[in-house]
PDB file of N, CA and C in Angstrom:
ATOM      1  N   UNK A   1      74.476  -2.618   5.072  1.00  0.00           N
ATOM      2  CA  UNK A   1      75.242  -3.009   4.095  1.00  0.00           C
ATOM      3  C   UNK A   1      74.461  -3.094   2.815  1.00  0.00           C
ATOM      4  N   UNK A   2      74.968  -2.438   1.918  1.00  0.00           N
ATOM      5  CA  UNK A   2      74.006  -2.536   0.533  1.00  0.00           C
ATOM      6  C   UNK A   2      74.313  -3.724  -0.067  1.00  0.00           C
ATOM      7  N   UNK A   3      73.506  -4.178  -1.159  1.00  0.00           N
ATOM      8  CA  UNK A   3      73.529  -5.394  -2.015  1.00  0.00           C
ATOM      9  C   UNK A   3      74.570  -5.747  -2.796  1.00  0.00           C
ATOM     10  N   UNK A   4      75.167  -4.454  -3.147  1.00  0.00           N
ATOM     11  CA  UNK A   4      76.402  -4.403  -3.530  1.00  0.00           C
ATOM     12  C   UNK A   4      77.558  -4.978  -2.623  1.00  0.00           C
ATOM     13  N   UNK A   5      77.725  -4.529  -1.625  1.00  0.00           N
ATOM     14  CA  UNK A   5      78.791  -4.892  -0.642  1.00  0.00           C
ATOM     15  C   UNK A   5      78.363  -6.308  -0.400  1.00  0.00           C
ATOM     16  N   UNK A   6      77.093  -6.437   0.106  1.00  0.00           N
ATOM     17  CA  UNK A   6      76.707  -8.009   0.430  1.00  0.00           C
ATOM     18  C   UNK A   6      77.341  -8.905  -0.797  1.00  0.00           C
ATOM     19  N   UNK A   7      77.049  -8.497  -2.158  1.00  0.00           N
ATOM     20  CA  UNK A   7      77.552  -9.424  -3.261  1.00  0.00           C
ATOM     21  C   UNK A   7      78.756  -9.493  -3.215  1.00  0.00           C
ATOM     22  N   UNK A   8      79.686  -8.378  -3.103  1.00  0.00           N
ATOM     23  CA  UNK A   8      81.232  -8.441  -2.771  1.00  0.00           C
ATOM     24  C   UNK A   8      81.636  -9.213  -1.869  1.00  0.00           C
ATOM     25  N   UNK A   9      81.202  -9.186  -0.816  1.00  0.00           N
ATOM     26  CA  UNK A   9      81.615 -10.266   0.206  1.00  0.00           C
ATOM     27  C   UNK A   9      81.346 -11.538  -0.027  1.00  0.00           C
ATOM     28  N   UNK A  10      80.191 -11.712  -0.555  1.00  0.00           N
ATOM     29  CA  UNK A  10      79.848 -13.291  -0.873  1.00  0.00           C
ATOM     30  C   UNK A  10      81.019 -13.638  -2.090  1.00  0.00           C
ATOM     31  N   UNK A  11      80.892 -12.859  -3.079  1.00  0.00           N
ATOM     32  CA  UNK A  11      82.058 -13.502  -4.091  1.00  0.00           C
ATOM     33  C   UNK A  11      83.178 -13.395  -3.525  1.00  0.00           C
ATOM     34  N   UNK A  12      83.855 -12.862  -2.533  1.00  0.00           N
ATOM     35  CA  UNK A  12      85.189 -13.016  -2.113  1.00  0.00           C
ATOM     36  C   UNK A  12      85.457 -14.558  -1.352  1.00  0.00           C
ATOM     37  N   UNK A  13      84.312 -14.489  -0.651  1.00  0.00           N
ATOM     38  CA  UNK A  13      83.972 -15.778   0.403  1.00  0.00           C
ATOM     39  C   UNK A  13      83.922 -17.086  -0.601  1.00  0.00           C
ATOM     40  N   UNK A  14      83.191 -16.819  -1.505  1.00  0.00           N
ATOM     41  CA  UNK A  14      83.012 -18.234  -2.589  1.00  0.00           C
ATOM     42  C   UNK A  14      84.637 -18.492  -3.097  1.00  0.00           C
ATOM     43  N   UNK A  15      85.099 -17.395  -3.620  1.00  0.00           N
ATOM     44  CA  UNK A  15      86.557 -17.663  -4.159  1.00  0.00           C
ATOM     45  C   UNK A  15      87.477 -18.254  -2.973  1.00  0.00           C
ATOM     46  N   UNK A  16      87.451 -17.824  -1.646  1.00  0.00           N
ATOM     47  CA  UNK A  16      88.124 -18.332  -0.805  1.00  0.00           C
ATOM     48  C   UNK A  16      88.006 -19.884  -0.895  1.00  0.00           C
ATOM     49  N   UNK A  17      86.615 -20.385  -0.657  1.00  0.00           N
ATOM     50  CA  UNK A  17      85.970 -21.744  -0.502  1.00  0.00           C
ATOM     51  C   UNK A  17      86.790 -22.624  -1.248  1.00  0.00           C
ATOM     52  N   UNK A  18      87.297 -23.650  -1.065  1.00  0.00           N
ATOM     53  CA  UNK A  18      87.883 -24.621  -1.886  1.00  0.00           C
ATOM     54  C   UNK A  18      87.190 -25.436  -2.978  1.00  0.00           C
ATOM     55  N   UNK A  19      85.990 -25.439  -2.286  1.00  0.00           N
ATOM     56  CA  UNK A  19      84.977 -26.664  -3.250  1.00  0.00           C
ATOM     57  C   UNK A  19      83.847 -25.846  -4.154  1.00  0.00           C
ATOM     58  N   UNK A  20      84.305 -24.470  -3.748  1.00  0.00           N
ATOM     59  CA  UNK A  20      83.323 -23.561  -4.685  1.00  0.00           C
ATOM     60  C   UNK A  20      83.890 -23.292  -6.217  1.00  0.00           C
ATOM     61  N   UNK A  21      83.412 -23.875  -7.287  1.00  0.00           N
ATOM     62  CA  UNK A  21      84.131 -23.650  -8.572  1.00  0.00           C
ATOM     63  C   UNK A  21      83.892 -22.421  -8.916  1.00  0.00           C
ATOM     64  N   UNK A  22      84.950 -21.902  -9.879  1.00  0.00           N
ATOM     65  CA  UNK A  22      84.751 -20.623 -10.614  1.00  0.00           C
ATOM     66  C   UNK A  22      83.217 -20.559 -11.509  1.00  0.00           C
ATOM     67  N   UNK A  23      83.138 -21.634 -11.981  1.00  0.00           N
ATOM     68  CA  UNK A  23      81.717 -21.607 -12.790  1.00  0.00           C
ATOM     69  C   UNK A  23      80.407 -21.289 -11.745  1.00  0.00           C
ATOM     70  N   UNK A  24      80.580 -21.631 -10.408  1.00  0.00           N
ATOM     71  CA  UNK A  24      79.202 -21.237  -9.620  1.00  0.00           C
ATOM     72  C   UNK A  24      79.235 -19.744  -9.364  1.00  0.00           C
ATOM     73  N   UNK A  25      80.136 -19.102  -9.449  1.00  0.00           N
ATOM     74  CA  UNK A  25      80.679 -17.554  -9.290  1.00  0.00           C
ATOM     75  C   UNK A  25      79.829 -16.723 -10.554  1.00  0.00           C
ATOM     76  N   UNK A  26      80.617 -17.690 -11.525  1.00  0.00           N
ATOM     77  CA  UNK A  26      79.959 -17.041 -12.958  1.00  0.00           C
ATOM     78  C   UNK A  26      78.387 -17.491 -13.008  1.00  0.00           C
ATOM     79  N   UNK A  27      77.978 -18.521 -12.686  1.00  0.00           N
ATOM     80  CA  UNK A  27      76.372 -18.336 -12.715  1.00  0.00           C
ATOM     81  C   UNK A  27      75.753 -17.211 -11.930  1.00  0.00           C
ATOM     82  N   UNK A  28      76.270 -17.090 -10.758  1.00  0.00           N
ATOM     83  CA  UNK A  28      75.356 -16.338  -9.360  1.00  0.00           C
ATOM     84  C   UNK A  28      75.857 -14.901  -9.722  1.00  0.00           C
ATOM     85  N   UNK A  29      76.881 -14.519 -10.207  1.00  0.00           N
ATOM     86  CA  UNK A  29      77.615 -13.349 -10.290  1.00  0.00           C
ATOM     87  C   UNK A  29      77.857 -12.659 -11.768  1.00  0.00           C
ATOM     88  N   UNK A  30      77.864 -13.360 -12.792  1.00  0.00           N
ATOM     89  CA  UNK A  30      78.287 -13.457 -13.893  1.00  0.00           C
ATOM     90  C   UNK A  30      79.960 -13.093 -14.053  1.00  0.00           C
ATOM     91  N   UNK A  31      80.422 -13.391 -13.089  1.00  0.00           N
ATOM     92  CA  UNK A  31      82.088 -13.184 -13.226  1.00  0.00           C
ATOM     93  C   UNK A  31      82.879 -14.507 -13.894  1.00  0.00           C
ATOM     94  N   UNK A  32      83.602 -14.356 -14.811  1.00  0.00           N
ATOM     95  CA  UNK A  32      84.300 -15.733 -15.224  1.00  0.00           C
ATOM     96  C   UNK A  32      85.525 -15.629 -14.106  1.00  0.00           C
ATOM     97  N   UNK A  33      86.310 -16.841 -14.196  1.00  0.00           N
ATOM     98  CA  UNK A  33      87.590 -16.927 -13.396  1.00  0.00           C
ATOM     99  C   UNK A  33      88.433 -15.676 -13.280  1.00  0.00           C
ATOM    100  N   UNK A  34      88.759 -14.980 -14.940  1.00  0.00           N
ATOM    101  CA  UNK A  34      89.628 -13.595 -14.735  1.00  0.00           C
ATOM    102  C   UNK A  34      89.203 -12.554 -14.237  1.00  0.00           C
ATOM    103  N   UNK A  35      87.608 -12.291 -13.935  1.00  0.00           N
ATOM    104  CA  UNK A  35      86.957 -11.532 -13.549  1.00  0.00           C
ATOM    105  C   UNK A  35      86.961 -11.433 -11.910  1.00  0.00           C
ATOM    106  N   UNK A  36      86.940 -12.917 -11.395  1.00  0.00           N
ATOM    107  CA  UNK A  36      87.283 -12.932  -9.861  1.00  0.00           C
ATOM    108  C   UNK A  36      88.592 -12.714  -9.579  1.00  0.00           C
ATOM    109  N   UNK A  37      89.457 -13.184 -10.553  1.00  0.00           N
ATOM    110  CA  UNK A  37      90.873 -12.644 -10.185  1.00  0.00           C
ATOM    111  C   UNK A  37      91.196 -11.129 -10.223  1.00  0.00           C
ATOM    112  N   UNK A  38      90.522 -10.398 -11.115  1.00  0.00           N
ATOM    113  CA  UNK A  38      90.743  -9.017 -11.035  1.00  0.00           C
ATOM    114  C   UNK A  38      90.032  -8.342  -9.840  1.00  0.00           C
ATOM    115  N   UNK A  39      88.895  -8.842  -9.368  1.00  0.00           N
ATOM    116  CA  UNK A  39      88.242  -8.600  -8.270  1.00  0.00           C
ATOM    117  C   UNK A  39      89.020  -8.724  -7.258  1.00  0.00           C
ATOM    118  N   UNK A  40      89.298 -10.029  -6.885  1.00  0.00           N
ATOM    119  CA  UNK A  40      90.207 -10.170  -5.817  1.00  0.00           C
ATOM    120  C   UNK A  40      91.465  -9.459  -5.224  1.00  0.00           C
ATOM    121  N   UNK A  41      92.219  -9.262  -6.850  1.00  0.00           N
ATOM    122  CA  UNK A  41      93.245  -8.200  -6.796  1.00  0.00           C
ATOM    123  C   UNK A  41      92.980  -6.929  -6.126  1.00  0.00           C
ATOM    124  N   UNK A  42      91.813  -6.171  -6.551  1.00  0.00           N
ATOM    125  CA  UNK A  42      91.375  -5.168  -6.369  1.00  0.00           C
ATOM    126  C   UNK A  42      90.915  -4.896  -4.871  1.00  0.00           C
ATOM    127  N   UNK A  43      90.600  -5.921  -4.350  1.00  0.00           N
ATOM    128  CA  UNK A  43      89.868  -5.860  -2.820  1.00  0.00           C
ATOM    129  C   UNK A  43      90.446  -6.465  -1.700  1.00  0.00           C
ATOM    130  N   UNK A  44      91.391  -7.375  -2.173  1.00  0.00           N
ATOM    131  CA  UNK A  44      92.421  -7.881  -1.002  1.00  0.00           C
ATOM    132  C   UNK A  44      93.676  -6.853  -0.871  1.00  0.00           C
ATOM    133  N   UNK A  45      94.345  -7.115   0.354  1.00  0.00           N
ATOM    134  CA  UNK A  45      95.938  -6.739   0.174  1.00  0.00           C
ATOM    135  C   UNK A  45      96.549  -7.560  -0.511  1.00  0.00           C
ATOM    136  N   UNK A  46      97.515  -6.813  -0.869  1.00  0.00           N
ATOM    137  CA  UNK A  46      98.436  -7.716  -1.685  1.00  0.00           C
ATOM    138  C   UNK A  46      99.021  -8.782  -1.278  1.00  0.00           C
ATOM    139  N   UNK A  47      99.430  -9.046  -0.069  1.00  0.00           N
ATOM    140  CA  UNK A  47      99.920 -10.440   0.921  1.00  0.00           C
ATOM    141  C   UNK A  47      98.580 -11.485   0.839  1.00  0.00           C
ATOM    142  N   UNK A  48      97.247 -10.976   0.818  1.00  0.00           N
ATOM    143  CA  UNK A  48      95.962 -12.110   0.900  1.00  0.00           C
ATOM    144  C   UNK A  48      96.032 -12.408  -0.522  1.00  0.00           C
ATOM    145  N   UNK A  49      96.130 -11.419  -1.399  1.00  0.00           N
ATOM    146  CA  UNK A  49      95.713 -11.734  -2.793  1.00  0.00           C
ATOM    147  C   UNK A  49      96.891 -12.826  -2.858  1.00  0.00           C
ATOM    148  N   UNK A  50      98.246 -12.741  -3.131  1.00  0.00           N
ATOM    149  CA  UNK A  50      99.068 -13.661  -3.307  1.00  0.00           C
ATOM    150  C   UNK A  50      98.697 -15.012  -2.532  1.00  0.00           C
ATOM    151  N   UNK A  51      98.553 -14.938  -1.331  1.00  0.00           N
ATOM    152  CA  UNK A  51      98.211 -16.335  -0.659  1.00  0.00           C
ATOM    153  C   UNK A  51      97.006 -16.629  -1.631  1.00  0.00           C
ATOM    154  N   UNK A  52      95.936 -15.921  -1.684  1.00  0.00           N
ATOM    155  CA  UNK A  52      94.892 -16.809  -2.388  1.00  0.00           C
ATOM    156  C   UNK A  52      95.426 -17.513  -3.520  1.00  0.00           C
ATOM    157  N   UNK A  53      95.955 -16.545  -4.498  1.00  0.00           N
ATOM    158  CA  UNK A  53      96.101 -17.318  -5.969  1.00  0.00           C
ATOM    159  C   UNK A  53      97.162 -18.451  -5.807  1.00  0.00           C
ATOM    160  N   UNK A  54      98.075 -18.685  -4.767  1.00  0.00           N
ATOM    161  CA  UNK A  54      98.882 -19.747  -4.225  1.00  0.00           C
ATOM    162  C   UNK A  54      97.786 -20.881  -3.986  1.00  0.00           C
ATOM    163  N   UNK A  55      97.152 -20.394  -3.367  1.00  0.00           N
ATOM    164  CA  UNK A  55      95.694 -21.423  -2.652  1.00  0.00           C
ATOM    165  C   UNK A  55      95.069 -22.024  -3.877  1.00  0.00           C
ATOM    166  N   UNK A  56      94.570 -21.359  -4.967  1.00  0.00           N
ATOM    167  CA  UNK A  56      93.676 -21.611  -5.905  1.00  0.00           C
ATOM    168  C   UNK A  56      94.583 -22.199  -7.119  1.00  0.00           C
ATOM    169  N   UNK A  57      95.583 -21.767  -7.570  1.00  0.00           N
ATOM    170  CA  UNK A  57      96.192 -22.314  -8.467  1.00  0.00           C
ATOM    171  C   UNK A  57      96.485 -23.795  -8.692  1.00  0.00           C
ATOM    172  N   UNK A  58      95.738 -24.347  -9.569  1.00  0.00           N
ATOM    173  CA  UNK A  58      95.779 -25.793  -9.584  1.00  0.00           C
ATOM    174  C   UNK A  58      95.119 -26.699  -8.937  1.00  0.00           C
ATOM    175  N   UNK A  59      94.291 -25.930  -8.314  1.00  0.00           N
ATOM    176  CA  UNK A  59      93.432 -26.940  -7.427  1.00  0.00           C
ATOM    177  C   UNK A  59      92.149 -27.178  -8.196  1.00  0.00           C
ATOM    178  N   UNK A  60      92.007 -28.562  -8.041  1.00  0.00           N
ATOM    179  CA  UNK A  60      90.900 -29.078  -9.096  1.00  0.00           C
ATOM    180  C   UNK A  60      89.775 -29.004  -8.784  1.00  0.00           C
ATOM    181  N   UNK A  61      89.261 -28.820  -7.432  1.00  0.00           N
ATOM    182  CA  UNK A  61      87.876 -28.254  -7.139  1.00  0.00           C
ATOM    183  C   UNK A  61      87.441 -26.893  -7.489  1.00  0.00           C
ATOM    184  N   UNK A  62      88.322 -26.232  -8.222  1.00  0.00           N
ATOM    185  CA  UNK A  62      88.078 -24.738  -8.442  1.00  0.00           C
ATOM    186  C   UNK A  62      87.416 -25.068  -9.682  1.00  0.00           C
ATOM    187  N   UNK A  63      87.214 -26.186 -10.488  1.00  0.00           N
ATOM    188  CA  UNK A  63      86.782 -25.929 -11.845  1.00  0.00           C
ATOM    189  C   UNK A  63      86.180 -27.379 -12.111  1.00  0.00           C
ATOM    190  N   UNK A  64      84.876 -27.035 -12.546  1.00  0.00           N
ATOM    191  CA  UNK A  64      84.058 -28.136 -12.587  1.00  0.00           C
ATOM    192  C   UNK A  64      84.635 -29.591 -13.482  1.00  0.00           C
ATOM    193  N   UNK A  65      85.220 -29.086 -14.456  1.00  0.00           N
ATOM    194  CA  UNK A  65      85.810 -29.886 -15.425  1.00  0.00           C
ATOM    195  C   UNK A  65      87.144 -30.570 -14.993  1.00  0.00           C
ATOM    196  N   UNK A  66      87.677 -30.377 -13.993  1.00  0.00           N
ATOM    197  CA  UNK A  66      88.869 -30.681 -13.383  1.00  0.00           C
ATOM    198  C   UNK A  66      88.305 -31.448 -12.035  1.00  0.00           C
ATOM    199  N   UNK A  67      87.246 -31.264 -11.510  1.00  0.00           N
ATOM    200  CA  UNK A  67      86.951 -31.786 -10.481  1.00  0.00           C
ATOM    201  C   UNK A  67      86.513 -33.502 -10.355  1.00  0.00           C
ATOM    202  N   UNK A  68      86.679 -34.146  -9.512  1.00  0.00           N
ATOM    203  CA  UNK A  68      86.193 -35.578  -9.452  1.00  0.00           C
ATOM    204  C   UNK A  68      84.901 -35.511  -9.537  1.00  0.00           C
ATOM    205  N   UNK A  69      83.895 -36.525 -10.130  1.00  0.00           N
ATOM    206  CA  UNK A  69      82.634 -36.697  -9.547  1.00  0.00           C
ATOM    207  C   UNK A  69      82.279 -36.990  -8.247  1.00  0.00           C
ATOM    208  N   UNK A  70      83.351 -37.232  -7.397  1.00  0.00           N
ATOM    209  CA  UNK A  70      82.796 -37.478  -6.009  1.00  0.00           C
ATOM    210  C   UNK A  70      82.685 -36.347  -5.225  1.00  0.00           C
ATOM    211  N   UNK A  71      83.105 -35.340  -5.997  1.00  0.00           N
ATOM    212  CA  UNK A  71      83.028 -33.947  -5.279  1.00  0.00           C
ATOM    213  C   UNK A  71      81.404 -33.398  -5.704  1.00  0.00           C
ATOM    214  N   UNK A  72      80.435 -33.652  -4.947  1.00  0.00           N
ATOM    215  CA  UNK A  72      79.059 -32.963  -5.347  1.00  0.00           C
ATOM    216  C   UNK A  72      78.587 -32.057  -4.633  1.00  0.00           C
ATOM    217  N   UNK A  73      79.204 -31.335  -3.865  1.00  0.00           N
ATOM    218  CA  UNK A  73      78.477 -30.120  -2.909  1.00  0.00           C
ATOM    219  C   UNK A  73      79.524 -29.467  -2.626  1.00  0.00           C
ATOM    220  N   UNK A  74      79.422 -28.318  -2.421  1.00  0.00           N
ATOM    221  CA  UNK A  74      79.974 -27.116  -2.488  1.00  0.00           C
ATOM    222  C   UNK A  74      80.955 -26.881  -1.140  1.00  0.00           C
ATOM    223  N   UNK A  75      80.324 -27.302  -0.067  1.00  0.00           N
ATOM    224  CA  UNK A  75      81.043 -27.131   1.171  1.00  0.00           C
ATOM    225  C   UNK A  75      81.265 -28.394   1.715  1.00  0.00           C
ATOM    226  N   UNK A  76      82.428 -28.296   3.033  1.00  0.00           N
ATOM    227  CA  UNK A  76      82.793 -29.764   3.770  1.00  0.00           C
ATOM    228  C   UNK A  76      81.504 -29.731   4.858  1.00  0.00           C
ATOM    229  N   UNK A  77      81.218 -30.860   5.225  1.00  0.00           N
ATOM    230  CA  UNK A  77      80.045 -30.929   5.888  1.00  0.00           C
ATOM    231  C   UNK A  77      79.803 -30.258   7.202  1.00  0.00           C
ATOM    232  N   UNK A  78      81.296 -29.946   7.902  1.00  0.00           N
ATOM    233  CA  UNK A  78      81.656 -29.406   8.886  1.00  0.00           C
ATOM    234  C   UNK A  78      81.842 -27.996   8.831  1.00  0.00           C
ATOM    235  N   UNK A  79      81.493 -27.579   7.628  1.00  0.00           N
ATOM    236  CA  UNK A  79      81.983 -26.108   7.363  1.00  0.00           C
ATOM    237  C   UNK A  79      81.090 -25.115   8.151  1.00  0.00           C
ATOM    238  N   UNK A  80      79.862 -25.331   8.087  1.00  0.00           N
ATOM    239  CA  UNK A  80      78.416 -24.749   8.653  1.00  0.00           C
ATOM    240  C   UNK A  80      78.097 -25.432   9.726  1.00  0.00           C
ATOM    241  N   UNK A  81      78.583 -25.065  10.816  1.00  0.00           N
ATOM    242  CA  UNK A  81      78.025 -25.969  11.913  1.00  0.00           C
ATOM    243  C   UNK A  81      76.599 -25.319  12.506  1.00  0.00           C
ATOM    244  N   UNK A  82      75.678 -26.228  12.768  1.00  0.00           N
ATOM    245  CA  UNK A  82      74.372 -25.874  13.423  1.00  0.00           C
ATOM    246  C   UNK A  82      74.739 -25.455  14.974  1.00  0.00           C
ATOM    247  N   UNK A  83      74.094 -24.299  15.204  1.00  0.00           N
ATOM    248  CA  UNK A  83      74.337 -23.513  16.538  1.00  0.00           C
ATOM    249  C   UNK A  83      73.150 -23.971  17.743  1.00  0.00           C
TER     250      UNK A  83
END
């Protein structure tokens, strides 16, 4: 897998994550929210894109300015389980 494919995969993964704000994607990959939306529209099936948009629309954790100060990490403690 090339670095571009890895980056694309990681951006899509971050976009799906509830606790990863769009600002984190902008810092790491230089894509603002509109850029992420465009990328998701291009690389997801139409039904998956609609599902994703419905999921992230209005979600406070996807924007640093809207999220509670209690949310101080990018993932749920049980998301990445030790093997």
